Amino acid sequence: ATPSRFGADTTAPDELLGAADRLLEPLGFMRIAQISVVAAYE
């Protein structure tokens, strides 16, 4: 919906993972593993 949301490099794994963490942690999820841009939460 907003492709410029994460800056110029929209596929940078660290930025994508950080953005997902900020949305999911308040819901009670903790990131437990990741491979590049694939992340696992519990």
All heavy atoms as atom14 arrays in JSON, in Angstrom:
{
  "sequence": "ATPSRFGADTTAPDELLGAADRLLEPLGFMRIAQISVVAAYE",
  "atom14_mask": [
    [1, 1, 1, 1, 1, 0, 0, 0, 0, 0, 0, 0, 0, 0],
    [1, 1, 1, 1, 1, 1, 1, 0, 0, 0, 0, 0, 0, 0],
    [1, 1, 1, 1, 1, 1, 1, 0, 0, 0, 0, 0, 0, 0],
    [1, 1, 1, 1, 1, 1, 0, 0, 0, 0, 0, 0, 0, 0],
    [1, 1, 1, 1, 1, 1, 1, 1, 1, 1, 1, 0, 0, 0],
    [1, 1, 1, 1, 1, 1, 1, 1, 1, 1, 1, 0, 0, 0],
    [1, 1, 1, 1, 0, 0, 0, 0, 0, 0, 0, 0, 0, 0],
    [1, 1, 1, 1, 1, 0, 0, 0, 0, 0, 0, 0, 0, 0],
    [1, 1, 1, 1, 1, 1, 1, 1, 0, 0, 0, 0, 0, 0],
    [1, 1, 1, 1, 1, 1, 1, 0, 0, 0, 0, 0, 0, 0],
    [1, 1, 1, 1, 1, 1, 1, 0, 0, 0, 0, 0, 0, 0],
    [1, 1, 1, 1, 1, 0, 0, 0, 0, 0, 0, 0, 0, 0],
    [1, 1, 1, 1, 1, 1, 1, 0, 0, 0, 0, 0, 0, 0],
    [1, 1, 1, 1, 1, 1, 1, 1, 0, 0, 0, 0, 0, 0],
    [1, 1, 1, 1, 1, 1, 1, 1, 1, 0, 0, 0, 0, 0],
    [1, 1, 1, 1, 1, 1, 1, 1, 0, 0, 0, 0, 0, 0],
    [1, 1, 1, 1, 1, 1, 1, 1, 0, 0, 0, 0, 0, 0],
    [1, 1, 1, 1, 0, 0, 0, 0, 0, 0, 0, 0, 0, 0],
    [1, 1, 1, 1, 1, 0, 0, 0, 0, 0, 0, 0, 0, 0],
    [1, 1, 1, 1, 1, 0, 0, 0, 0, 0, 0, 0, 0, 0],
    [1, 1, 1, 1, 1, 1, 1, 1, 0, 0, 0, 0, 0, 0],
    [1, 1, 1, 1, 1, 1, 1, 1, 1, 1, 1, 0, 0, 0],
    [1, 1, 1, 1, 1, 1, 1, 1, 0, 0, 0, 0, 0, 0],
    [1, 1, 1, 1, 1, 1, 1, 1, 0, 0, 0, 0, 0, 0],
    [1, 1, 1, 1, 1, 1, 1, 1, 1, 0, 0, 0, 0, 0],
    [1, 1, 1, 1, 1, 1, 1, 0, 0, 0, 0, 0, 0, 0],
    [1, 1, 1, 1, 1, 1, 1, 1, 0, 0, 0, 0, 0, 0],
    [1, 1, 1, 1, 0, 0, 0, 0, 0, 0, 0, 0, 0, 0],
    [1, 1, 1, 1, 1, 1, 1, 1, 1, 1, 1, 0, 0, 0],
    [1, 1, 1, 1, 1, 1, 1, 1, 0, 0, 0, 0, 0, 0],
    [1, 1, 1, 1, 1, 1, 1, 1, 1, 1, 1, 0, 0, 0],
    [1, 1, 1, 1, 1, 1, 1, 1, 0, 0, 0, 0, 0, 0],
    [1, 1, 1, 1, 1, 0, 0, 0, 0, 0, 0, 0, 0, 0],
    [1, 1, 1, 1, 1, 1, 1, 1, 1, 0, 0, 0, 0, 0],
    [1, 1, 1, 1, 1, 1, 1, 1, 0, 0, 0, 0, 0, 0],
    [1, 1, 1, 1, 1, 1, 0, 0, 0, 0, 0, 0, 0, 0],
    [1, 1, 1, 1, 1, 1, 1, 0, 0, 0, 0, 0, 0, 0],
    [1, 1, 1, 1, 1, 1, 1, 0, 0, 0, 0, 0, 0, 0],
    [1, 1, 1, 1, 1, 0, 0, 0, 0, 0, 0, 0, 0, 0],
    [1, 1, 1, 1, 1, 0, 0, 0, 0, 0, 0, 0, 0, 0],
    [1, 1, 1, 1, 1, 1, 1, 1, 1, 1, 1, 1, 0, 0],
    [1, 1, 1, 1, 1, 1, 1, 1, 1, 0, 0, 0, 0, 0]
  ],
  "atom14_positions": [
    [[0.82, -1.21, 0.0], [0.0, 0.0, 0.0], [0.86, 1.27, 0.0], [0.53, 2.26, -0.65], [-0.93, 0.0, 1.21], [0.0, 0.0, 0.0], [0.0, 0.0, 0.0], [0.0, 0.0, 0.0], [0.0, 0.0, 0.0], [0.0, 0.0, 0.0], [0.0, 0.0, 0.0], [0.0, 0.0, 0.0], [0.0, 0.0, 0.0], [0.0, 0.0, 0.0]],
    [[1.97, 1.24, 0.74], [2.85, 2.41, 0.82], [4.29, 1.95, 0.58], [5.05, 1.74, 1.52], [2.74, 3.09, 2.2], [2.98, 2.11, 3.22], [1.36, 3.67, 2.39], [0.0, 0.0, 0.0], [0.0, 0.0, 0.0], [0.0, 0.0, 0.0], [0.0, 0.0, 0.0], [0.0, 0.0, 0.0], [0.0, 0.0, 0.0], [0.0, 0.0, 0.0]],
    [[4.69, 1.77, -0.67], [5.99, 1.2, -0.97], [7.18, 1.99, -0.47], [8.27, 1.47, -0.36], [5.99, 1.11, -2.5], [4.94, 2.04, -2.96], [3.9, 2.06, -1.88], [0.0, 0.0, 0.0], [0.0, 0.0, 0.0], [0.0, 0.0, 0.0], [0.0, 0.0, 0.0], [0.0, 0.0, 0.0], [0.0, 0.0, 0.0], [0.0, 0.0, 0.0]],
    [[7.0, 3.28, -0.15], [8.12, 4.08, 0.35], [8.23, 4.04, 1.87], [9.06, 4.73, 2.45], [7.96, 5.53, -0.1], [6.76, 6.08, 0.44], [0.0, 0.0, 0.0], [0.0, 0.0, 0.0], [0.0, 0.0, 0.0], [0.0, 0.0, 0.0], [0.0, 0.0, 0.0], [0.0, 0.0, 0.0], [0.0, 0.0, 0.0], [0.0, 0.0, 0.0]],
    [[7.43, 3.21, 2.5], [7.35, 3.2, 3.95], [8.69, 2.94, 4.63], [9.01, 3.48, 5.68], [6.34, 2.13, 4.37], [6.24, 1.87, 5.86], [5.13, 0.88, 6.13], [5.02, 0.56, 7.54], [4.04, -0.17, 8.04], [3.1, -0.62, 7.26], [4.0, -0.43, 9.32], [0.0, 0.0, 0.0], [0.0, 0.0, 0.0], [0.0, 0.0, 0.0]],
    [[9.51, 2.07, 4.02], [10.75, 1.67, 4.66], [11.97, 2.36, 4.06], [13.09, 1.92, 4.24], [10.92, 0.15, 4.57], [9.76, -0.59, 5.17], [8.93, -1.34, 4.37], [9.49, -0.5, 6.52], [7.85, -2.02, 4.92], [8.4, -1.16, 7.07], [7.58, -1.92, 6.27], [0.0, 0.0, 0.0], [0.0, 0.0, 0.0], [0.0, 0.0, 0.0]],
    [[11.76, 3.45, 3.35], [12.87, 4.18, 2.79], [13.21, 3.7, 1.39], [12.46, 2.98, 0.74], [0.0, 0.0, 0.0], [0.0, 0.0, 0.0], [0.0, 0.0, 0.0], [0.0, 0.0, 0.0], [0.0, 0.0, 0.0], [0.0, 0.0, 0.0], [0.0, 0.0, 0.0], [0.0, 0.0, 0.0], [0.0, 0.0, 0.0], [0.0, 0.0, 0.0]],
    [[14.41, 4.07, 0.93], [14.79, 3.78, -0.45], [14.94, 2.28, -0.69], [14.5, 1.75, -1.7], [16.1, 4.5, -0.78], [0.0, 0.0, 0.0], [0.0, 0.0, 0.0], [0.0, 0.0, 0.0], [0.0, 0.0, 0.0], [0.0, 0.0, 0.0], [0.0, 0.0, 0.0], [0.0, 0.0, 0.0], [0.0, 0.0, 0.0], [0.0, 0.0, 0.0]],
    [[15.6, 1.59, 0.25], [15.8, 0.15, 0.09], [14.67, -0.57, 0.8], [14.74, -0.89, 1.98], [17.15, -0.27, 0.67], [17.44, -1.75, 0.43], [16.62, -2.42, -0.24], [18.47, -2.22, 0.92], [0.0, 0.0, 0.0], [0.0, 0.0, 0.0], [0.0, 0.0, 0.0], [0.0, 0.0, 0.0], [0.0, 0.0, 0.0], [0.0, 0.0, 0.0]],
    [[13.58, -0.85, 0.07], [12.39, -1.41, 0.7], [12.5, -2.9, 0.97], [11.61, -3.48, 1.54], [11.16, -1.16, -0.19], [11.39, -1.76, -1.48], [10.92, 0.31, -0.35], [0.0, 0.0, 0.0], [0.0, 0.0, 0.0], [0.0, 0.0, 0.0], [0.0, 0.0, 0.0], [0.0, 0.0, 0.0], [0.0, 0.0, 0.0], [0.0, 0.0, 0.0]],
    [[13.59, -3.51, 0.54], [13.73, -4.95, 0.77], [14.83, -5.27, 1.78], [15.21, -6.41, 1.93], [14.04, -5.68, -0.55], [15.25, -5.17, -1.1], [12.91, -5.5, -1.54], [0.0, 0.0, 0.0], [0.0, 0.0, 0.0], [0.0, 0.0, 0.0], [0.0, 0.0, 0.0], [0.0, 0.0, 0.0], [0.0, 0.0, 0.0], [0.0, 0.0, 0.0]],
    [[15.37, -4.27, 2.47], [16.41, -4.51, 3.45], [15.86, -5.38, 4.57], [14.91, -4.98, 5.25], [16.92, -3.18, 4.01], [0.0, 0.0, 0.0], [0.0, 0.0, 0.0], [0.0, 0.0, 0.0], [0.0, 0.0, 0.0], [0.0, 0.0, 0.0], [0.0, 0.0, 0.0], [0.0, 0.0, 0.0], [0.0, 0.0, 0.0], [0.0, 0.0, 0.0]],
    [[16.43, -6.56, 4.79], [15.87, -7.47, 5.81], [15.76, -6.86, 7.19], [14.74, -7.03, 7.87], [16.87, -8.64, 5.79], [17.44, -8.63, 4.42], [17.53, -7.18, 4.04], [0.0, 0.0, 0.0], [0.0, 0.0, 0.0], [0.0, 0.0, 0.0], [0.0, 0.0, 0.0], [0.0, 0.0, 0.0], [0.0, 0.0, 0.0], [0.0, 0.0, 0.0]],
    [[16.79, -6.13, 7.64], [16.77, -5.58, 8.99], [15.61, -4.6, 9.18], [14.96, -4.59, 10.23], [18.09, -4.88, 9.31], [19.23, -5.88, 9.49], [18.94, -7.08, 9.66], [20.4, -5.45, 9.43], [0.0, 0.0, 0.0], [0.0, 0.0, 0.0], [0.0, 0.0, 0.0], [0.0, 0.0, 0.0], [0.0, 0.0, 0.0], [0.0, 0.0, 0.0]],
    [[15.35, -3.78, 8.17], [14.26, -2.81, 8.29], [12.9, -3.5, 8.27], [11.99, -3.14, 9.01], [14.35, -1.78, 7.17], [15.6, -0.92, 7.25], [15.43, 0.38, 6.49], [14.28, 0.81, 6.3], [16.45, 0.96, 6.11], [0.0, 0.0, 0.0], [0.0, 0.0, 0.0], [0.0, 0.0, 0.0], [0.0, 0.0, 0.0], [0.0, 0.0, 0.0]],
    [[12.75, -4.51, 7.42], [11.48, -5.24, 7.38], [11.25, -5.99, 8.68], [10.13, -5.99, 9.22], [11.49, -6.22, 6.2], [11.47, -5.59, 4.8], [11.65, -6.67, 3.74], [10.19, -4.83, 4.56], [0.0, 0.0, 0.0], [0.0, 0.0, 0.0], [0.0, 0.0, 0.0], [0.0, 0.0, 0.0], [0.0, 0.0, 0.0], [0.0, 0.0, 0.0]],
    [[12.28, -6.65, 9.19], [12.14, -7.39, 10.44], [11.83, -6.44, 11.6], [10.98, -6.74, 12.44], [13.43, -8.17, 10.73], [13.72, -9.35, 9.8], [15.16, -9.82, 9.98], [12.75, -10.49, 10.04], [0.0, 0.0, 0.0], [0.0, 0.0, 0.0], [0.0, 0.0, 0.0], [0.0, 0.0, 0.0], [0.0, 0.0, 0.0], [0.0, 0.0, 0.0]],
    [[12.5, -5.3, 11.64], [12.25, -4.33, 12.7], [10.83, -3.81, 12.66], [10.17, -3.66, 13.7], [0.0, 0.0, 0.0], [0.0, 0.0, 0.0], [0.0, 0.0, 0.0], [0.0, 0.0, 0.0], [0.0, 0.0, 0.0], [0.0, 0.0, 0.0], [0.0, 0.0, 0.0], [0.0, 0.0, 0.0], [0.0, 0.0, 0.0], [0.0, 0.0, 0.0]],
    [[10.33, -3.52, 11.45], [8.96, -3.03, 11.31], [7.95, -4.09, 11.77], [6.97, -3.77, 12.45], [8.69, -2.64, 9.86], [0.0, 0.0, 0.0], [0.0, 0.0, 0.0], [0.0, 0.0, 0.0], [0.0, 0.0, 0.0], [0.0, 0.0, 0.0], [0.0, 0.0, 0.0], [0.0, 0.0, 0.0], [0.0, 0.0, 0.0], [0.0, 0.0, 0.0]],
    [[8.19, -5.34, 11.4], [7.29, -6.41, 11.82], [7.33, -6.6, 13.33], [6.29, -6.79, 13.98], [7.66, -7.71, 11.11], [0.0, 0.0, 0.0], [0.0, 0.0, 0.0], [0.0, 0.0, 0.0], [0.0, 0.0, 0.0], [0.0, 0.0, 0.0], [0.0, 0.0, 0.0], [0.0, 0.0, 0.0], [0.0, 0.0, 0.0], [0.0, 0.0, 0.0]],
    [[8.52, -6.52, 13.92], [8.65, -6.65, 15.37], [7.83, -5.58, 16.09], [7.14, -5.87, 17.09], [10.11, -6.54, 15.8], [10.95, -7.74, 15.37], [10.35, -8.75, 14.95], [12.19, -7.65, 15.47], [0.0, 0.0, 0.0], [0.0, 0.0, 0.0], [0.0, 0.0, 0.0], [0.0, 0.0, 0.0], [0.0, 0.0, 0.0], [0.0, 0.0, 0.0]],
    [[7.9, -4.35, 15.59], [7.19, -3.25, 16.26], [5.68, -3.43, 16.19], [4.95, -2.98, 17.09], [7.6, -1.91, 15.63], [9.03, -1.49, 15.95], [9.31, -0.07, 15.52], [9.31, 0.09, 14.08], [10.38, -0.12, 13.31], [11.52, -0.51, 13.84], [10.31, 0.06, 12.0], [0.0, 0.0, 0.0], [0.0, 0.0, 0.0], [0.0, 0.0, 0.0]],
    [[5.18, -4.09, 15.15], [3.75, -4.33, 15.04], [3.3, -5.55, 15.84], [2.19, -5.56, 16.39], [3.37, -4.52, 13.57], [3.4, -3.28, 12.68], [3.19, -3.68, 11.22], [2.34, -2.27, 13.12], [0.0, 0.0, 0.0], [0.0, 0.0, 0.0], [0.0, 0.0, 0.0], [0.0, 0.0, 0.0], [0.0, 0.0, 0.0], [0.0, 0.0, 0.0]],
    [[4.14, -6.57, 15.91], [3.71, -7.84, 16.5], [4.04, -7.96, 18.0], [3.33, -8.67, 18.72], [4.36, -9.0, 15.75], [3.88, -9.16, 14.29], [4.67, -10.25, 13.59], [2.39, -9.48, 14.25], [0.0, 0.0, 0.0], [0.0, 0.0, 0.0], [0.0, 0.0, 0.0], [0.0, 0.0, 0.0], [0.0, 0.0, 0.0], [0.0, 0.0, 0.0]],
    [[5.06, -7.29, 18.47], [5.41, -7.39, 19.88], [4.28, -6.9, 20.8], [4.0, -7.53, 21.83], [6.71, -6.65, 20.17], [7.94, -7.42, 19.69], [9.22, -6.63, 19.9], [9.16, -5.49, 20.42], [10.3, -7.15, 19.53], [0.0, 0.0, 0.0], [0.0, 0.0, 0.0], [0.0, 0.0, 0.0], [0.0, 0.0, 0.0], [0.0, 0.0, 0.0]],
    [[3.59, -5.8, 20.47], [2.46, -5.39, 21.33], [1.32, -6.41, 21.36], [0.49, -6.38, 22.26], [2.0, -4.07, 20.69], [3.19, -3.55, 19.97], [3.88, -4.77, 19.46], [0.0, 0.0, 0.0], [0.0, 0.0, 0.0], [0.0, 0.0, 0.0], [0.0, 0.0, 0.0], [0.0, 0.0, 0.0], [0.0, 0.0, 0.0], [0.0, 0.0, 0.0]],
    [[1.27, -7.29, 20.37], [0.25, -8.33, 20.33], [0.67, -9.58, 21.1], [-0.08, -10.55, 21.17], [-0.07, -8.72, 18.88], [-0.45, -7.57, 17.94], [-0.79, -8.12, 16.56], [-1.61, -6.77, 18.5], [0.0, 0.0, 0.0], [0.0, 0.0, 0.0], [0.0, 0.0, 0.0], [0.0, 0.0, 0.0], [0.0, 0.0, 0.0], [0.0, 0.0, 0.0]],
    [[1.89, -9.55, 21.67], [2.36, -10.68, 22.46], [3.25, -11.64, 21.72], [3.53, -12.73, 22.23], [0.0, 0.0, 0.0], [0.0, 0.0, 0.0], [0.0, 0.0, 0.0], [0.0, 0.0, 0.0], [0.0, 0.0, 0.0], [0.0, 0.0, 0.0], [0.0, 0.0, 0.0], [0.0, 0.0, 0.0], [0.0, 0.0, 0.0], [0.0, 0.0, 0.0]],
    [[3.75, -11.27, 20.53], [4.58, -12.17, 19.75], [6.05, -11.8, 19.89], [6.41, -10.63, 19.89], [4.2, -12.13, 18.27], [2.88, -12.78, 17.97], [1.72, -12.03, 17.92], [2.8, -14.14, 17.75], [0.5, -12.62, 17.65], [1.59, -14.75, 17.48], [0.43, -13.99, 17.43], [0.0, 0.0, 0.0], [0.0, 0.0, 0.0], [0.0, 0.0, 0.0]],
    [[6.88, -12.83, 19.98], [8.32, -12.66, 20.03], [8.94, -13.34, 18.82], [8.61, -14.48, 18.5], [8.9, -13.25, 21.31], [10.42, -13.16, 21.42], [11.04, -13.91, 22.95], [10.25, -12.85, 24.17], [0.0, 0.0, 0.0], [0.0, 0.0, 0.0], [0.0, 0.0, 0.0], [0.0, 0.0, 0.0], [0.0, 0.0, 0.0], [0.0, 0.0, 0.0]],
    [[9.84, -12.63, 18.15], [10.53, -13.25, 17.02], [11.53, -14.26, 17.57], [12.4, -13.93, 18.37], [11.23, -12.19, 16.17], [12.08, -12.8, 15.06], [12.34, -11.85, 13.91], [12.7, -10.51, 14.28], [13.95, -10.01, 14.23], [14.95, -10.79, 13.87], [14.16, -8.76, 14.54], [0.0, 0.0, 0.0], [0.0, 0.0, 0.0], [0.0, 0.0, 0.0]],
    [[11.44, -15.5, 17.09], [12.3, -16.56, 17.61], [13.3, -17.07, 16.58], [14.24, -17.78, 16.93], [11.46, -17.74, 18.15], [10.55, -18.3, 17.06], [10.65, -17.31, 19.37], [9.78, -19.54, 17.49], [0.0, 0.0, 0.0], [0.0, 0.0, 0.0], [0.0, 0.0, 0.0], [0.0, 0.0, 0.0], [0.0, 0.0, 0.0], [0.0, 0.0, 0.0]],
    [[13.11, -16.72, 15.32], [14.04, -17.15, 14.28], [13.78, -16.35, 13.02], [12.69, -15.8, 12.84], [13.89, -18.65, 14.0], [0.0, 0.0, 0.0], [0.0, 0.0, 0.0], [0.0, 0.0, 0.0], [0.0, 0.0, 0.0], [0.0, 0.0, 0.0], [0.0, 0.0, 0.0], [0.0, 0.0, 0.0], [0.0, 0.0, 0.0], [0.0, 0.0, 0.0]],
    [[14.8, -16.28, 12.16], [14.61, -15.63, 10.87], [15.68, -16.14, 9.9], [16.77, -16.51, 10.31], [14.66, -14.11, 10.97], [16.01, -13.51, 11.22], [16.41, -13.52, 12.68], [15.56, -13.41, 13.56], [17.7, -13.66, 12.93], [0.0, 0.0, 0.0], [0.0, 0.0, 0.0], [0.0, 0.0, 0.0], [0.0, 0.0, 0.0], [0.0, 0.0, 0.0]],
    [[15.31, -16.17, 8.65], [16.25, -16.43, 7.55], [15.98, -15.36, 6.51], [14.93, -15.37, 5.88], [16.06, -17.83, 6.94], [16.24, -18.93, 8.01], [17.03, -18.05, 5.79], [15.96, -20.32, 7.49], [0.0, 0.0, 0.0], [0.0, 0.0, 0.0], [0.0, 0.0, 0.0], [0.0, 0.0, 0.0], [0.0, 0.0, 0.0], [0.0, 0.0, 0.0]],
    [[16.9, -14.42, 6.4], [16.71, -13.28, 5.5], [15.4, -12.57, 5.88], [15.25, -12.13, 7.01], [16.72, -13.73, 4.05], [16.63, -12.63, 3.17], [0.0, 0.0, 0.0], [0.0, 0.0, 0.0], [0.0, 0.0, 0.0], [0.0, 0.0, 0.0], [0.0, 0.0, 0.0], [0.0, 0.0, 0.0], [0.0, 0.0, 0.0], [0.0, 0.0, 0.0]],
    [[14.43, -12.47, 4.96], [13.19, -11.76, 5.24], [12.07, -12.69, 5.66], [10.91, -12.28, 5.72], [12.75, -10.91, 4.03], [13.73, -9.8, 3.76], [12.58, -11.78, 2.79], [0.0, 0.0, 0.0], [0.0, 0.0, 0.0], [0.0, 0.0, 0.0], [0.0, 0.0, 0.0], [0.0, 0.0, 0.0], [0.0, 0.0, 0.0], [0.0, 0.0, 0.0]],
    [[12.38, -13.92, 5.95], [11.38, -14.87, 6.47], [11.56, -14.94, 7.98], [12.66, -15.26, 8.47], [11.53, -16.27, 5.85], [10.45, -17.2, 6.38], [11.47, -16.19, 4.33], [0.0, 0.0, 0.0], [0.0, 0.0, 0.0], [0.0, 0.0, 0.0], [0.0, 0.0, 0.0], [0.0, 0.0, 0.0], [0.0, 0.0, 0.0], [0.0, 0.0, 0.0]],
    [[10.51, -14.62, 8.72], [10.61, -14.55, 10.17], [9.59, -15.47, 10.84], [8.48, -15.67, 10.34], [10.38, -13.11, 10.64], [0.0, 0.0, 0.0], [0.0, 0.0, 0.0], [0.0, 0.0, 0.0], [0.0, 0.0, 0.0], [0.0, 0.0, 0.0], [0.0, 0.0, 0.0], [0.0, 0.0, 0.0], [0.0, 0.0, 0.0], [0.0, 0.0, 0.0]],
    [[9.99, -16.03, 11.97], [9.11, -16.89, 12.76], [8.83, -16.21, 14.09], [9.74, -15.69, 14.75], [9.76, -18.25, 13.0], [0.0, 0.0, 0.0], [0.0, 0.0, 0.0], [0.0, 0.0, 0.0], [0.0, 0.0, 0.0], [0.0, 0.0, 0.0], [0.0, 0.0, 0.0], [0.0, 0.0, 0.0], [0.0, 0.0, 0.0], [0.0, 0.0, 0.0]],
    [[7.55, -16.2, 14.47], [7.11, -15.58, 15.71], [6.3, -16.57, 16.54], [5.59, -17.41, 15.99], [6.23, -14.35, 15.44], [6.98, -13.18, 14.81], [7.15, -13.1, 13.44], [7.51, -12.17, 15.61], [7.83, -12.04, 12.87], [8.18, -11.1, 15.03], [8.35, -11.05, 13.67], [9.02, -9.99, 13.11], [0.0, 0.0, 0.0], [0.0, 0.0, 0.0]],
    [[6.44, -16.45, 17.84], [5.64, -17.27, 18.75], [5.05, -16.38, 19.81], [5.69, -15.43, 20.26], [6.5, -18.38, 19.38], [5.72, -19.4, 20.16], [6.53, -20.64, 20.47], [7.75, -20.53, 20.59], [5.92, -21.73, 20.59], [0.0, 0.0, 0.0], [0.0, 0.0, 0.0], [0.0, 0.0, 0.0], [0.0, 0.0, 0.0], [0.0, 0.0, 0.0]]
  ]
}
